[in-house]
Amino acid sequence: MKNLLFIFITLITIANVSYASFPVVESNAKILAIESEDDGPSLLEAILMGVLVVSILGFAAYFLFRAWWRAWQKKKWWARKLLPLLLLISLPTFLIPFIGPLISIILLIILGIIMLIRKLMGKTIIW
């Protein structure tokens, strides 16, 4: 499994680092731009891409929820206190159109400073 993962990472790295071995001039770019008039994916391709994206997101969401639920049952502090707090902090991102992410970032920085101060004072992080 490790070898397969290593080969996969190597192939991705080679694909990202490799470059065209022929000169690309402006005239070639114009010809390629003119010839590549594509209307986009067909209906079948769009449906298959949607199913793929939903299945990947569902797979990831299942395992994240399962890990959170197990931590909740074991009464871990991050599942009981920190995760709901982070969800509340992220609400302005979705509710306020333009400055919501800025408000969430500021609240996260404040939360981090509070946790750091509590840690440096020798107190436990459990709220």
N, C-alpha and C. Protein backbone atom coordinates (compact mmCIF):
# COMPACT_ATOMS: atom_id res chain seq x y z
N MET A 1 0.82 -1.18 0.00
CA MET A 1 0.00 0.00 0.00
C MET A 1 0.87 1.26 0.00
N LYS A 2 1.97 1.20 0.79
CA LYS A 2 2.86 2.35 0.82
C LYS A 2 3.53 2.56 -0.52
N ASN A 3 3.89 1.44 -1.18
CA ASN A 3 4.53 1.56 -2.50
C ASN A 3 3.56 2.15 -3.51
N LEU A 4 2.31 1.75 -3.45
CA LEU A 4 1.31 2.28 -4.38
C LEU A 4 1.10 3.77 -4.15
N LEU A 5 1.06 4.17 -2.90
CA LEU A 5 0.92 5.59 -2.57
C LEU A 5 2.15 6.38 -3.03
N PHE A 6 3.33 5.81 -2.83
CA PHE A 6 4.56 6.47 -3.28
C PHE A 6 4.58 6.63 -4.79
N ILE A 7 4.17 5.60 -5.52
CA ILE A 7 4.12 5.69 -6.99
C ILE A 7 3.11 6.75 -7.43
N PHE A 8 1.97 6.79 -6.76
CA PHE A 8 0.94 7.78 -7.10
C PHE A 8 1.45 9.20 -6.88
N ILE A 9 2.10 9.45 -5.74
CA ILE A 9 2.65 10.78 -5.47
C ILE A 9 3.74 11.12 -6.47
N THR A 10 4.57 10.15 -6.83
CA THR A 10 5.64 10.38 -7.81
C THR A 10 5.06 10.76 -9.16
N LEU A 11 4.04 10.06 -9.60
CA LEU A 11 3.43 10.37 -10.90
C LEU A 11 2.80 11.76 -10.91
N ILE A 12 2.15 12.13 -9.82
CA ILE A 12 1.56 13.46 -9.74
C ILE A 12 2.64 14.53 -9.77
N THR A 13 3.73 14.28 -9.05
CA THR A 13 4.83 15.25 -9.03
C THR A 13 5.45 15.39 -10.41
N ILE A 14 5.67 14.29 -11.10
CA ILE A 14 6.25 14.35 -12.44
C ILE A 14 5.32 15.08 -13.39
N ALA A 15 4.02 14.84 -13.27
CA ALA A 15 3.07 15.51 -14.15
C ALA A 15 3.05 17.02 -13.90
N ASN A 16 3.22 17.43 -12.66
CA ASN A 16 3.20 18.86 -12.34
C ASN A 16 4.50 19.56 -12.68
N VAL A 17 5.62 18.83 -12.62
CA VAL A 17 6.92 19.45 -12.84
C VAL A 17 7.31 19.44 -14.31
N SER A 18 6.83 18.45 -15.05
CA SER A 18 7.24 18.33 -16.45
C SER A 18 6.73 19.52 -17.26
N TYR A 19 7.39 19.79 -18.35
CA TYR A 19 7.05 20.94 -19.18
C TYR A 19 7.06 20.52 -20.64
N ALA A 20 6.56 21.38 -21.50
CA ALA A 20 6.50 21.08 -22.93
C ALA A 20 7.92 21.09 -23.50
N SER A 21 8.23 20.08 -24.30
CA SER A 21 9.57 19.99 -24.87
C SER A 21 9.64 20.66 -26.24
N PHE A 22 8.65 21.41 -26.57
CA PHE A 22 8.65 22.13 -27.85
C PHE A 22 8.31 23.59 -27.56
N PRO A 23 8.80 24.47 -28.39
CA PRO A 23 8.52 25.89 -28.12
C PRO A 23 7.06 26.23 -28.43
N VAL A 24 6.46 26.98 -27.55
CA VAL A 24 5.09 27.44 -27.76
C VAL A 24 5.18 28.91 -28.14
N VAL A 25 4.81 29.19 -29.37
CA VAL A 25 4.83 30.57 -29.85
C VAL A 25 3.42 31.10 -29.91
N GLU A 26 3.31 32.37 -30.13
CA GLU A 26 1.99 33.01 -30.09
C GLU A 26 1.07 32.49 -31.19
N SER A 27 1.61 32.19 -32.35
CA SER A 27 0.77 31.73 -33.45
C SER A 27 0.16 30.37 -33.14
N ASN A 28 0.93 29.48 -32.49
CA ASN A 28 0.38 28.18 -32.10
C ASN A 28 -0.73 28.34 -31.08
N ALA A 29 -0.56 29.26 -30.16
CA ALA A 29 -1.57 29.49 -29.13
C ALA A 29 -2.86 30.01 -29.75
N LYS A 30 -2.73 30.88 -30.76
CA LYS A 30 -3.94 31.39 -31.42
C LYS A 30 -4.65 30.29 -32.18
N ILE A 31 -3.91 29.43 -32.84
CA ILE A 31 -4.52 28.33 -33.60
C ILE A 31 -5.24 27.39 -32.64
N LEU A 32 -4.60 27.06 -31.52
CA LEU A 32 -5.23 26.17 -30.55
C LEU A 32 -6.48 26.81 -29.94
N ALA A 33 -6.43 28.10 -29.71
CA ALA A 33 -7.59 28.79 -29.14
C ALA A 33 -8.75 28.81 -30.11
N ILE A 34 -8.47 28.94 -31.40
CA ILE A 34 -9.54 28.96 -32.40
C ILE A 34 -10.14 27.58 -32.59
N GLU A 35 -9.31 26.55 -32.59
CA GLU A 35 -9.79 25.20 -32.85
C GLU A 35 -10.53 24.60 -31.66
N SER A 36 -10.29 25.05 -30.47
CA SER A 36 -10.86 24.40 -29.31
C SER A 36 -12.16 25.07 -28.87
N GLU A 37 -13.11 25.15 -29.75
CA GLU A 37 -14.43 25.67 -29.40
C GLU A 37 -15.30 24.50 -28.96
N ASP A 38 -15.36 24.28 -27.66
CA ASP A 38 -16.11 23.16 -27.10
C ASP A 38 -17.29 23.72 -26.32
N ASP A 39 -18.42 23.05 -26.42
CA ASP A 39 -19.62 23.51 -25.75
C ASP A 39 -19.66 23.09 -24.28
N GLY A 40 -18.72 22.31 -23.83
CA GLY A 40 -18.71 21.83 -22.46
C GLY A 40 -19.12 20.38 -22.42
N PRO A 41 -19.24 19.85 -21.21
CA PRO A 41 -19.57 18.43 -21.09
C PRO A 41 -21.02 18.15 -21.51
N SER A 42 -21.22 16.94 -22.00
CA SER A 42 -22.57 16.54 -22.37
C SER A 42 -23.37 16.27 -21.10
N LEU A 43 -24.66 15.98 -21.27
CA LEU A 43 -25.53 15.75 -20.13
C LEU A 43 -25.08 14.51 -19.35
N LEU A 44 -24.70 13.45 -20.05
CA LEU A 44 -24.25 12.23 -19.38
C LEU A 44 -22.97 12.48 -18.59
N GLU A 45 -22.03 13.23 -19.17
CA GLU A 45 -20.79 13.54 -18.46
C GLU A 45 -21.07 14.39 -17.23
N ALA A 46 -21.96 15.35 -17.34
CA ALA A 46 -22.31 16.20 -16.20
C ALA A 46 -22.94 15.38 -15.08
N ILE A 47 -23.82 14.45 -15.43
CA ILE A 47 -24.46 13.60 -14.42
C ILE A 47 -23.43 12.71 -13.75
N LEU A 48 -22.52 12.12 -14.54
CA LEU A 48 -21.49 11.25 -13.97
C LEU A 48 -20.54 12.03 -13.06
N MET A 49 -20.18 13.25 -13.46
CA MET A 49 -19.31 14.07 -12.61
C MET A 49 -20.03 14.43 -11.31
N GLY A 50 -21.32 14.74 -11.40
CA GLY A 50 -22.09 15.06 -10.20
C GLY A 50 -22.18 13.88 -9.25
N VAL A 51 -22.43 12.69 -9.81
CA VAL A 51 -22.49 11.49 -8.98
C VAL A 51 -21.14 11.23 -8.32
N LEU A 52 -20.06 11.43 -9.06
CA LEU A 52 -18.72 11.21 -8.51
C LEU A 52 -18.43 12.19 -7.37
N VAL A 53 -18.74 13.45 -7.57
CA VAL A 53 -18.48 14.45 -6.53
C VAL A 53 -19.33 14.18 -5.30
N VAL A 54 -20.60 13.87 -5.49
CA VAL A 54 -21.48 13.60 -4.34
C VAL A 54 -21.02 12.35 -3.60
N SER A 55 -20.59 11.31 -4.33
CA SER A 55 -20.14 10.09 -3.66
C SER A 55 -18.85 10.32 -2.87
N ILE A 56 -17.92 11.11 -3.42
CA ILE A 56 -16.69 11.40 -2.69
C ILE A 56 -16.98 12.23 -1.45
N LEU A 57 -17.80 13.27 -1.58
CA LEU A 57 -18.14 14.09 -0.43
C LEU A 57 -18.93 13.30 0.61
N GLY A 58 -19.82 12.44 0.18
CA GLY A 58 -20.57 11.61 1.11
C GLY A 58 -19.68 10.63 1.85
N PHE A 59 -18.72 10.05 1.15
CA PHE A 59 -17.76 9.13 1.75
C PHE A 59 -16.95 9.83 2.83
N ALA A 60 -16.45 11.03 2.51
CA ALA A 60 -15.66 11.80 3.47
C ALA A 60 -16.52 12.24 4.65
N ALA A 61 -17.74 12.68 4.38
CA ALA A 61 -18.63 13.15 5.45
C ALA A 61 -18.98 12.00 6.40
N TYR A 62 -19.17 10.80 5.86
CA TYR A 62 -19.48 9.65 6.70
C TYR A 62 -18.37 9.38 7.70
N PHE A 63 -17.13 9.35 7.23
CA PHE A 63 -16.02 9.04 8.13
C PHE A 63 -15.75 10.18 9.12
N LEU A 64 -15.93 11.43 8.69
CA LEU A 64 -15.78 12.54 9.63
C LEU A 64 -16.85 12.47 10.72
N PHE A 65 -18.09 12.22 10.33
CA PHE A 65 -19.17 12.12 11.31
C PHE A 65 -18.95 10.95 12.25
N ARG A 66 -18.47 9.83 11.72
CA ARG A 66 -18.22 8.65 12.54
C ARG A 66 -17.13 8.93 13.58
N ALA A 67 -16.06 9.61 13.16
CA ALA A 67 -14.99 9.95 14.09
C ALA A 67 -15.49 10.91 15.16
N TRP A 68 -16.29 11.89 14.76
CA TRP A 68 -16.84 12.83 15.73
C TRP A 68 -17.77 12.12 16.70
N TRP A 69 -18.61 11.21 16.22
CA TRP A 69 -19.56 10.52 17.08
C TRP A 69 -18.84 9.64 18.10
N ARG A 70 -17.79 8.97 17.67
CA ARG A 70 -17.02 8.15 18.61
C ARG A 70 -16.36 9.01 19.67
N ALA A 71 -15.83 10.15 19.27
CA ALA A 71 -15.22 11.06 20.25
C ALA A 71 -16.27 11.62 21.20
N TRP A 72 -17.47 11.87 20.70
CA TRP A 72 -18.57 12.37 21.54
C TRP A 72 -18.92 11.33 22.60
N GLN A 73 -18.99 10.06 22.19
CA GLN A 73 -19.32 9.00 23.13
C GLN A 73 -18.22 8.80 24.17
N LYS A 74 -16.98 9.04 23.79
CA LYS A 74 -15.86 8.91 24.73
C LYS A 74 -15.66 10.19 25.55
N LYS A 75 -16.53 11.17 25.34
CA LYS A 75 -16.50 12.45 26.06
C LYS A 75 -15.18 13.18 25.91
N LYS A 76 -14.69 13.23 24.67
CA LYS A 76 -13.49 14.01 24.37
C LYS A 76 -13.84 15.49 24.37
N TRP A 77 -12.93 16.32 24.86
CA TRP A 77 -13.24 17.74 25.01
C TRP A 77 -13.42 18.44 23.67
N TRP A 78 -12.69 18.02 22.65
CA TRP A 78 -12.81 18.70 21.37
C TRP A 78 -14.15 18.41 20.71
N ALA A 79 -14.71 17.24 20.95
CA ALA A 79 -16.00 16.91 20.36
C ALA A 79 -17.14 17.57 21.12
N ARG A 80 -16.98 17.72 22.43
CA ARG A 80 -18.05 18.28 23.26
C ARG A 80 -18.05 19.81 23.27
N LYS A 81 -16.87 20.42 23.27
CA LYS A 81 -16.78 21.87 23.45
C LYS A 81 -16.24 22.60 22.22
N LEU A 82 -15.11 22.13 21.71
CA LEU A 82 -14.40 22.90 20.69
C LEU A 82 -15.12 22.87 19.35
N LEU A 83 -15.58 21.71 18.91
CA LEU A 83 -16.22 21.62 17.60
C LEU A 83 -17.51 22.43 17.52
N PRO A 84 -18.41 22.36 18.50
CA PRO A 84 -19.58 23.25 18.42
C PRO A 84 -19.22 24.72 18.44
N LEU A 85 -18.17 25.08 19.20
CA LEU A 85 -17.71 26.46 19.23
C LEU A 85 -17.18 26.89 17.86
N LEU A 86 -16.43 26.02 17.21
CA LEU A 86 -15.93 26.34 15.88
C LEU A 86 -17.07 26.47 14.86
N LEU A 87 -18.08 25.65 15.00
CA LEU A 87 -19.23 25.76 14.11
C LEU A 87 -19.97 27.08 14.32
N LEU A 88 -20.10 27.51 15.56
CA LEU A 88 -20.72 28.81 15.83
C LEU A 88 -19.88 29.95 15.29
N ILE A 89 -18.56 29.82 15.39
CA ILE A 89 -17.68 30.87 14.87
C ILE A 89 -17.79 30.95 13.35
N SER A 90 -18.00 29.82 12.69
CA SER A 90 -18.05 29.82 11.22
C SER A 90 -19.40 30.30 10.67
N LEU A 91 -20.40 30.49 11.51
CA LEU A 91 -21.71 30.93 11.02
C LEU A 91 -21.69 32.27 10.28
N PRO A 92 -20.94 33.28 10.73
CA PRO A 92 -20.94 34.54 9.97
C PRO A 92 -20.44 34.38 8.54
N THR A 93 -19.60 33.39 8.29
CA THR A 93 -19.11 33.16 6.93
C THR A 93 -20.26 32.88 5.98
N PHE A 94 -21.26 32.15 6.45
CA PHE A 94 -22.36 31.76 5.59
C PHE A 94 -23.54 32.73 5.66
N LEU A 95 -23.64 33.49 6.74
CA LEU A 95 -24.81 34.35 6.92
C LEU A 95 -24.60 35.78 6.44
N ILE A 96 -23.38 36.29 6.54
CA ILE A 96 -23.10 37.67 6.16
C ILE A 96 -22.27 37.64 4.88
N PRO A 97 -22.74 38.23 3.80
CA PRO A 97 -22.12 38.02 2.49
C PRO A 97 -20.65 38.41 2.36
N PHE A 98 -20.27 39.63 2.64
CA PHE A 98 -18.91 40.06 2.30
C PHE A 98 -17.96 40.08 3.48
N ILE A 99 -18.42 40.50 4.65
CA ILE A 99 -17.51 40.60 5.78
C ILE A 99 -17.62 39.41 6.72
N GLY A 100 -18.46 38.45 6.41
CA GLY A 100 -18.62 37.27 7.26
C GLY A 100 -17.34 36.48 7.45
N PRO A 101 -16.59 36.16 6.36
CA PRO A 101 -15.32 35.45 6.56
C PRO A 101 -14.33 36.22 7.42
N LEU A 102 -14.31 37.53 7.29
CA LEU A 102 -13.41 38.35 8.11
C LEU A 102 -13.79 38.26 9.58
N ILE A 103 -15.08 38.30 9.87
CA ILE A 103 -15.54 38.17 11.26
C ILE A 103 -15.17 36.80 11.81
N SER A 104 -15.34 35.75 11.00
CA SER A 104 -15.00 34.40 11.45
C SER A 104 -13.51 34.27 11.73
N ILE A 105 -12.68 34.85 10.88
CA ILE A 105 -11.23 34.78 11.09
C ILE A 105 -10.85 35.50 12.37
N ILE A 106 -11.44 36.66 12.61
CA ILE A 106 -11.14 37.40 13.83
C ILE A 106 -11.56 36.59 15.06
N LEU A 107 -12.73 35.98 15.02
CA LEU A 107 -13.19 35.16 16.14
C LEU A 107 -12.29 33.94 16.36
N LEU A 108 -11.80 33.33 15.28
CA LEU A 108 -10.89 32.20 15.42
C LEU A 108 -9.57 32.63 16.04
N ILE A 109 -9.08 33.81 15.65
CA ILE A 109 -7.83 34.32 16.26
C ILE A 109 -8.04 34.57 17.74
N ILE A 110 -9.17 35.15 18.11
CA ILE A 110 -9.46 35.38 19.53
C ILE A 110 -9.54 34.06 20.29
N LEU A 111 -10.19 33.05 19.71
CA LEU A 111 -10.27 31.74 20.34
C LEU A 111 -8.89 31.13 20.52
N GLY A 112 -8.03 31.25 19.50
CA GLY A 112 -6.68 30.73 19.61
C GLY A 112 -5.87 31.42 20.69
N ILE A 113 -6.03 32.73 20.80
CA ILE A 113 -5.31 33.47 21.84
C ILE A 113 -5.79 33.05 23.23
N ILE A 114 -7.10 32.88 23.39
CA ILE A 114 -7.64 32.44 24.68
C ILE A 114 -7.11 31.07 25.05
N MET A 115 -7.10 30.14 24.07
CA MET A 115 -6.60 28.80 24.35
C MET A 115 -5.11 28.82 24.69
N LEU A 116 -4.34 29.66 24.00
CA LEU A 116 -2.91 29.77 24.27
C LEU A 116 -2.67 30.33 25.67
N ILE A 117 -3.41 31.36 26.05
CA ILE A 117 -3.26 31.94 27.39
C ILE A 117 -3.61 30.91 28.46
N ARG A 118 -4.69 30.17 28.26
CA ARG A 118 -5.08 29.15 29.23
C ARG A 118 -4.03 28.06 29.32
N LYS A 119 -3.42 27.70 28.19
CA LYS A 119 -2.39 26.68 28.19
C LYS A 119 -1.13 27.18 28.91
N LEU A 120 -0.74 28.44 28.68
CA LEU A 120 0.45 29.00 29.31
C LEU A 120 0.26 29.22 30.80
N MET A 121 -0.97 29.45 31.22
CA MET A 121 -1.24 29.65 32.65
C MET A 121 -1.31 28.32 33.39
N GLY A 122 -1.21 27.23 32.68
CA GLY A 122 -1.21 25.93 33.33
C GLY A 122 -2.58 25.36 33.56
N LYS A 123 -3.59 26.02 33.09
CA LYS A 123 -4.95 25.51 33.24
C LYS A 123 -5.22 24.51 32.13
N THR A 124 -6.12 23.62 32.39
CA THR A 124 -6.51 22.71 31.33
C THR A 124 -7.33 23.45 30.30
N ILE A 125 -7.35 22.91 29.10
CA ILE A 125 -8.08 23.58 28.01
C ILE A 125 -9.57 23.28 28.09
N ILE A 126 -9.95 22.35 28.93
CA ILE A 126 -11.36 22.02 29.06
C ILE A 126 -12.09 23.24 29.59
N TRP A 127 -13.12 23.67 28.93
CA TRP A 127 -13.85 24.89 29.27
C TRP A 127 -14.65 24.61 30.49
